[in-house]
Amino acid sequence: MKVELSDQDLRLLVQSLTHCLATCKNQGKAEPCEDCAAAAALKERLAALRPASKDA
């Protein structure tokens, strides 16, 4: 499946994932949220697709 996303779409998704990871209730616990690793990996993949900007 292919999805075309604008730069603004990518920025919003990266921003949302950043917020999700920062506010996870299991943050810092011995057993982190099972989705955190997947979210972090997706955030990195999406961030790599974005052109560099000042508000990154």
Protein backbone atom coordinates (compact mmCIF):
# COMPACT_ATOMS: atom_id res chain seq x y z
CA MET A 1 0.00 0.00 0.00
CA LYS A 2 1.23 3.48 -0.85
CA VAL A 3 0.06 6.68 0.75
CA GLU A 4 1.09 10.12 -0.39
CA LEU A 5 1.64 12.57 2.45
CA SER A 6 2.44 16.25 2.30
CA ASP A 7 5.26 17.78 4.34
CA GLN A 8 2.60 19.11 6.71
CA ASP A 9 1.12 15.59 7.10
CA LEU A 10 4.55 14.18 7.95
CA ARG A 11 5.21 16.99 10.43
CA LEU A 12 1.89 16.35 12.17
CA LEU A 13 2.47 12.60 12.38
CA VAL A 14 5.99 13.03 13.79
CA GLN A 15 4.68 15.61 16.28
CA SER A 16 1.87 13.25 17.35
CA LEU A 17 4.24 10.34 17.83
CA THR A 18 6.61 12.55 19.82
CA HIS A 19 3.74 13.53 22.12
CA CYS A 20 2.58 9.92 22.44
CA LEU A 21 6.04 8.69 23.41
CA ALA A 22 6.55 11.56 25.87
CA THR A 23 3.25 10.96 27.66
CA CYS A 24 3.18 7.16 27.80
CA LYS A 25 1.99 6.10 31.26
CA ASN A 26 4.50 3.25 31.28
CA GLN A 27 7.44 5.55 30.57
CA GLY A 28 10.38 4.67 32.79
CA LYS A 29 8.84 1.45 34.06
CA ALA A 30 10.48 -1.95 33.77
CA GLU A 31 7.90 -3.01 31.15
CA PRO A 32 7.40 -0.14 28.68
CA CYS A 33 4.24 0.17 26.61
CA GLU A 34 4.25 -2.51 23.92
CA ASP A 35 3.60 0.10 21.24
CA CYS A 36 6.46 2.43 22.23
CA ALA A 37 9.15 0.62 20.27
CA ALA A 38 6.96 0.51 17.16
CA ALA A 39 5.99 4.17 17.59
CA ALA A 40 9.63 5.22 17.99
CA ALA A 41 10.65 3.28 14.88
CA LEU A 42 7.80 4.77 12.85
CA LYS A 43 8.67 8.27 14.09
CA GLU A 44 12.26 7.81 12.89
CA ARG A 45 11.12 6.54 9.49
CA LEU A 46 8.71 9.43 9.04
CA ALA A 47 11.23 12.00 10.27
CA ALA A 48 13.73 10.74 7.69
CA LEU A 49 11.20 11.46 4.93
CA ARG A 50 10.67 15.08 5.99
CA PRO A 51 12.79 17.86 4.61
CA ALA A 52 14.84 19.63 7.27
CA SER A 53 13.07 22.59 8.84
CA LYS A 54 13.46 25.03 11.71
CA ASP A 55 10.46 23.72 13.66
CA ALA A 56 11.63 20.10 13.77
